[in-house]
Amino acid sequence: MLLIHCPYCDETLPEVEFTYAGEAHIVRPENPSAVTDEEWESFLFLRDNVKGNHYERWRHFHGCGRYFNAVRNTITDKFLTTYEAGAPRPSIESLTEKGK
């Protein structure tokens, strides 16, 4: 069972409390009507498929209901950290150095 820490509730709970919401830090185009069909397709559908440490969005569905970001290793399923939405993206290098 995965345990996930909600940075808003400050609780670590089983994964059934949470919902995966895709890759984190995807920036919506400022003027969607001005982008080409190819650019819009890329924004909507193309995501990194990282093998290793990956920035993700999660929602505490059965708790506070808020979205937050996480860094999770897709090979081991280990969460390196979770942080509030809108917070700066932490450096993966600094997180992996802490874990040594």
N, C-alpha and C. Protein backbone atom coordinates (compact mmCIF):
# COMPACT_ATOMS: atom_id res chain seq x y z
N MET A 1 0.83 -1.17 0.00
CA MET A 1 0.00 0.00 0.00
C MET A 1 0.89 1.25 0.00
N LEU A 2 0.53 2.20 -0.87
CA LEU A 2 1.23 3.48 -0.89
C LEU A 2 0.67 4.40 0.19
N LEU A 3 1.55 5.10 0.85
CA LEU A 3 1.14 6.13 1.80
C LEU A 3 1.53 7.47 1.20
N ILE A 4 0.59 8.41 1.20
CA ILE A 4 0.80 9.71 0.58
C ILE A 4 0.56 10.79 1.63
N HIS A 5 1.46 11.76 1.65
CA HIS A 5 1.35 12.87 2.60
C HIS A 5 0.61 14.04 1.95
N CYS A 6 -0.49 14.50 2.56
CA CYS A 6 -1.20 15.68 2.08
C CYS A 6 -0.55 16.90 2.75
N PRO A 7 0.01 17.82 1.96
CA PRO A 7 0.67 18.98 2.55
C PRO A 7 -0.31 19.98 3.18
N TYR A 8 -1.59 19.88 2.87
CA TYR A 8 -2.59 20.78 3.44
C TYR A 8 -3.12 20.25 4.77
N CYS A 9 -3.45 18.97 4.81
CA CYS A 9 -3.96 18.35 6.04
C CYS A 9 -2.83 17.98 6.99
N ASP A 10 -1.62 17.89 6.45
CA ASP A 10 -0.44 17.45 7.18
C ASP A 10 -0.64 16.05 7.77
N GLU A 11 -1.21 15.17 6.93
CA GLU A 11 -1.43 13.78 7.32
C GLU A 11 -0.89 12.86 6.22
N THR A 12 -0.40 11.70 6.63
CA THR A 12 0.04 10.67 5.70
C THR A 12 -0.99 9.56 5.74
N LEU A 13 -1.63 9.31 4.58
CA LEU A 13 -2.78 8.41 4.52
C LEU A 13 -2.63 7.43 3.35
N PRO A 14 -3.42 6.34 3.35
CA PRO A 14 -3.37 5.36 2.26
C PRO A 14 -3.79 5.99 0.92
N GLU A 15 -3.26 5.44 -0.15
CA GLU A 15 -3.51 5.99 -1.48
C GLU A 15 -4.98 6.01 -1.87
N VAL A 16 -5.83 5.20 -1.27
CA VAL A 16 -7.26 5.21 -1.63
C VAL A 16 -7.92 6.54 -1.28
N GLU A 17 -7.28 7.35 -0.45
CA GLU A 17 -7.78 8.68 -0.10
C GLU A 17 -7.55 9.68 -1.23
N PHE A 18 -6.68 9.34 -2.19
CA PHE A 18 -6.20 10.29 -3.17
C PHE A 18 -6.53 9.87 -4.60
N THR A 19 -6.50 10.85 -5.49
CA THR A 19 -6.70 10.60 -6.91
C THR A 19 -5.54 11.21 -7.69
N TYR A 20 -4.97 10.43 -8.58
CA TYR A 20 -3.90 10.92 -9.46
C TYR A 20 -4.50 11.89 -10.46
N ALA A 21 -3.83 13.00 -10.71
CA ALA A 21 -4.37 14.03 -11.60
C ALA A 21 -3.42 14.41 -12.72
N GLY A 22 -2.45 13.57 -13.02
CA GLY A 22 -1.58 13.82 -14.17
C GLY A 22 -0.27 14.47 -13.82
N GLU A 23 0.43 14.85 -14.86
CA GLU A 23 1.74 15.47 -14.72
C GLU A 23 1.60 16.89 -14.14
N ALA A 24 2.49 17.26 -13.27
CA ALA A 24 2.46 18.59 -12.65
C ALA A 24 3.19 19.62 -13.50
N HIS A 25 2.90 20.86 -13.24
CA HIS A 25 3.59 22.01 -13.84
C HIS A 25 3.37 22.13 -15.34
N ILE A 26 2.20 21.74 -15.82
CA ILE A 26 1.83 21.93 -17.22
C ILE A 26 1.20 23.32 -17.32
N VAL A 27 1.75 24.17 -18.16
CA VAL A 27 1.28 25.56 -18.27
C VAL A 27 0.30 25.68 -19.43
N ARG A 28 -0.90 26.16 -19.12
CA ARG A 28 -1.93 26.37 -20.13
C ARG A 28 -1.53 27.57 -21.00
N PRO A 29 -1.76 27.49 -22.32
CA PRO A 29 -1.47 28.63 -23.18
C PRO A 29 -2.27 29.86 -22.73
N GLU A 30 -1.63 31.03 -22.76
CA GLU A 30 -2.31 32.25 -22.33
C GLU A 30 -3.51 32.59 -23.20
N ASN A 31 -3.39 32.36 -24.50
CA ASN A 31 -4.48 32.65 -25.42
C ASN A 31 -4.75 31.40 -26.25
N PRO A 32 -5.58 30.49 -25.74
CA PRO A 32 -5.79 29.21 -26.44
C PRO A 32 -6.29 29.35 -27.87
N SER A 33 -7.06 30.39 -28.16
CA SER A 33 -7.57 30.55 -29.53
C SER A 33 -6.48 30.95 -30.52
N ALA A 34 -5.32 31.38 -30.01
CA ALA A 34 -4.23 31.81 -30.90
C ALA A 34 -3.25 30.69 -31.22
N VAL A 35 -3.37 29.54 -30.57
CA VAL A 35 -2.41 28.45 -30.83
C VAL A 35 -2.91 27.59 -31.99
N THR A 36 -1.99 26.93 -32.63
CA THR A 36 -2.34 26.04 -33.74
C THR A 36 -2.98 24.76 -33.20
N ASP A 37 -3.60 24.02 -34.08
CA ASP A 37 -4.18 22.73 -33.69
C ASP A 37 -3.11 21.79 -33.14
N GLU A 38 -1.93 21.81 -33.74
CA GLU A 38 -0.84 20.95 -33.30
C GLU A 38 -0.36 21.34 -31.90
N GLU A 39 -0.27 22.65 -31.64
CA GLU A 39 0.13 23.12 -30.31
C GLU A 39 -0.92 22.77 -29.26
N TRP A 40 -2.20 22.90 -29.63
CA TRP A 40 -3.28 22.57 -28.70
C TRP A 40 -3.29 21.07 -28.41
N GLU A 41 -3.08 20.26 -29.45
CA GLU A 41 -2.99 18.81 -29.27
C GLU A 41 -1.84 18.47 -28.32
N SER A 42 -0.71 19.12 -28.52
CA SER A 42 0.44 18.88 -27.65
C SER A 42 0.13 19.23 -26.21
N PHE A 43 -0.52 20.38 -25.99
CA PHE A 43 -0.88 20.79 -24.63
C PHE A 43 -1.84 19.78 -23.99
N LEU A 44 -2.82 19.33 -24.73
CA LEU A 44 -3.84 18.44 -24.16
C LEU A 44 -3.36 17.01 -23.93
N PHE A 45 -2.57 16.49 -24.84
CA PHE A 45 -2.32 15.05 -24.84
C PHE A 45 -0.88 14.59 -24.63
N LEU A 46 0.10 15.40 -24.97
CA LEU A 46 1.47 14.92 -24.91
C LEU A 46 2.08 15.20 -23.53
N ARG A 47 2.51 14.15 -22.88
CA ARG A 47 3.10 14.24 -21.55
C ARG A 47 4.38 13.42 -21.52
N ASP A 48 5.25 13.78 -20.58
CA ASP A 48 6.46 12.99 -20.38
C ASP A 48 6.07 11.65 -19.76
N ASN A 49 6.76 10.61 -20.16
CA ASN A 49 6.54 9.28 -19.58
C ASN A 49 7.87 8.88 -18.93
N VAL A 50 8.12 9.49 -17.79
CA VAL A 50 9.41 9.39 -17.14
C VAL A 50 9.60 8.03 -16.46
N LYS A 51 10.77 7.48 -16.63
CA LYS A 51 11.17 6.29 -15.88
C LYS A 51 12.12 6.80 -14.80
N GLY A 52 11.58 6.93 -13.59
CA GLY A 52 12.36 7.50 -12.49
C GLY A 52 11.56 8.57 -11.78
N ASN A 53 12.23 9.61 -11.33
CA ASN A 53 11.57 10.67 -10.56
C ASN A 53 10.73 11.56 -11.46
N HIS A 54 9.49 11.79 -11.04
CA HIS A 54 8.50 12.44 -11.89
C HIS A 54 7.65 13.41 -11.07
N TYR A 55 7.40 14.61 -11.62
CA TYR A 55 6.52 15.59 -10.97
C TYR A 55 5.07 15.27 -11.32
N GLU A 56 4.23 15.13 -10.29
CA GLU A 56 2.84 14.74 -10.50
C GLU A 56 1.89 15.64 -9.71
N ARG A 57 0.62 15.67 -10.15
CA ARG A 57 -0.46 16.33 -9.41
C ARG A 57 -1.32 15.24 -8.79
N TRP A 58 -1.74 15.49 -7.57
CA TRP A 58 -2.63 14.59 -6.87
C TRP A 58 -3.74 15.41 -6.21
N ARG A 59 -4.85 14.76 -5.91
CA ARG A 59 -5.95 15.41 -5.21
C ARG A 59 -6.30 14.57 -4.00
N HIS A 60 -6.45 15.24 -2.85
CA HIS A 60 -6.87 14.55 -1.62
C HIS A 60 -8.40 14.44 -1.68
N PHE A 61 -8.85 13.50 -2.46
CA PHE A 61 -10.26 13.34 -2.81
C PHE A 61 -11.15 13.10 -1.61
N HIS A 62 -10.75 12.21 -0.71
CA HIS A 62 -11.56 11.86 0.45
C HIS A 62 -11.15 12.63 1.70
N GLY A 63 -10.53 13.76 1.50
CA GLY A 63 -10.09 14.60 2.62
C GLY A 63 -10.45 16.04 2.34
N CYS A 64 -9.45 16.89 2.26
CA CYS A 64 -9.67 18.32 2.06
C CYS A 64 -10.12 18.66 0.64
N GLY A 65 -9.93 17.73 -0.31
CA GLY A 65 -10.35 17.96 -1.69
C GLY A 65 -9.40 18.82 -2.51
N ARG A 66 -8.28 19.20 -1.94
CA ARG A 66 -7.37 20.11 -2.62
C ARG A 66 -6.34 19.36 -3.46
N TYR A 67 -5.89 20.04 -4.51
CA TYR A 67 -4.83 19.52 -5.37
C TYR A 67 -3.48 19.91 -4.79
N PHE A 68 -2.51 19.01 -4.95
CA PHE A 68 -1.14 19.29 -4.54
C PHE A 68 -0.21 18.59 -5.50
N ASN A 69 1.06 18.91 -5.41
CA ASN A 69 2.06 18.31 -6.28
C ASN A 69 2.92 17.33 -5.49
N ALA A 70 3.53 16.42 -6.21
CA ALA A 70 4.40 15.42 -5.58
C ALA A 70 5.54 15.08 -6.53
N VAL A 71 6.61 14.58 -5.96
CA VAL A 71 7.69 13.98 -6.75
C VAL A 71 7.68 12.50 -6.35
N ARG A 72 7.44 11.64 -7.35
CA ARG A 72 7.35 10.20 -7.10
C ARG A 72 8.26 9.48 -8.08
N ASN A 73 8.92 8.45 -7.59
CA ASN A 73 9.73 7.61 -8.45
C ASN A 73 8.82 6.57 -9.09
N THR A 74 8.74 6.58 -10.41
CA THR A 74 7.81 5.68 -11.10
C THR A 74 8.29 4.23 -11.14
N ILE A 75 9.54 3.98 -10.77
CA ILE A 75 10.05 2.62 -10.72
C ILE A 75 9.73 1.99 -9.37
N THR A 76 10.00 2.72 -8.30
CA THR A 76 9.82 2.18 -6.94
C THR A 76 8.49 2.57 -6.31
N ASP A 77 7.77 3.53 -6.90
CA ASP A 77 6.54 4.11 -6.35
C ASP A 77 6.78 4.91 -5.08
N LYS A 78 8.02 5.18 -4.75
CA LYS A 78 8.34 5.94 -3.54
C LYS A 78 8.12 7.43 -3.79
N PHE A 79 7.39 8.09 -2.87
CA PHE A 79 7.20 9.53 -2.92
C PHE A 79 8.40 10.20 -2.27
N LEU A 80 9.07 11.08 -3.01
CA LEU A 80 10.21 11.80 -2.46
C LEU A 80 9.74 13.00 -1.64
N THR A 81 8.67 13.64 -2.10
CA THR A 81 8.09 14.77 -1.37
C THR A 81 6.72 15.10 -1.94
N THR A 82 5.94 15.82 -1.17
CA THR A 82 4.71 16.43 -1.64
C THR A 82 4.77 17.90 -1.25
N TYR A 83 4.11 18.74 -2.03
CA TYR A 83 4.13 20.18 -1.75
C TYR A 83 2.88 20.83 -2.32
N GLU A 84 2.54 21.99 -1.77
CA GLU A 84 1.31 22.68 -2.14
C GLU A 84 1.34 23.12 -3.60
N ALA A 85 0.18 23.10 -4.23
CA ALA A 85 0.05 23.61 -5.60
C ALA A 85 0.45 25.08 -5.60
N GLY A 86 1.16 25.48 -6.62
CA GLY A 86 1.61 26.87 -6.70
C GLY A 86 2.97 27.10 -6.09
N ALA A 87 3.45 26.16 -5.28
CA ALA A 87 4.79 26.27 -4.69
C ALA A 87 5.83 25.99 -5.78
N PRO A 88 7.01 26.54 -5.63
CA PRO A 88 8.05 26.26 -6.64
C PRO A 88 8.38 24.77 -6.72
N ARG A 89 8.73 24.34 -7.90
CA ARG A 89 9.12 22.95 -8.14
C ARG A 89 10.44 22.68 -7.44
N PRO A 90 10.49 21.68 -6.55
CA PRO A 90 11.77 21.36 -5.89
C PRO A 90 12.72 20.67 -6.86
N SER A 91 13.99 20.84 -6.62
CA SER A 91 15.01 20.20 -7.44
C SER A 91 15.06 18.71 -7.09
N ILE A 92 14.95 17.87 -8.09
CA ILE A 92 15.01 16.42 -7.85
C ILE A 92 16.38 16.04 -7.30
N GLU A 93 17.42 16.73 -7.75
CA GLU A 93 18.78 16.44 -7.27
C GLU A 93 18.87 16.66 -5.77
N SER A 94 18.27 17.74 -5.27
CA SER A 94 18.33 18.01 -3.83
C SER A 94 17.53 16.97 -3.05
N LEU A 95 16.45 16.46 -3.63
CA LEU A 95 15.64 15.45 -2.95
C LEU A 95 16.36 14.11 -2.89
N THR A 96 17.05 13.75 -3.97
CA THR A 96 17.75 12.47 -3.98
C THR A 96 18.99 12.52 -3.10
N GLU A 97 19.60 13.70 -2.93
CA GLU A 97 20.74 13.83 -2.02
C GLU A 97 20.28 13.62 -0.57
N LYS A 98 19.08 14.10 -0.21
CA LYS A 98 18.54 13.91 1.14
C LYS A 98 18.35 12.44 1.47
N GLY A 99 17.95 11.67 0.43
CA GLY A 99 17.64 10.27 0.65
C GLY A 99 18.84 9.36 0.76
N LYS A 100 20.03 9.89 0.54
CA LYS A 100 21.24 9.03 0.59
C LYS A 100 21.64 8.74 2.01
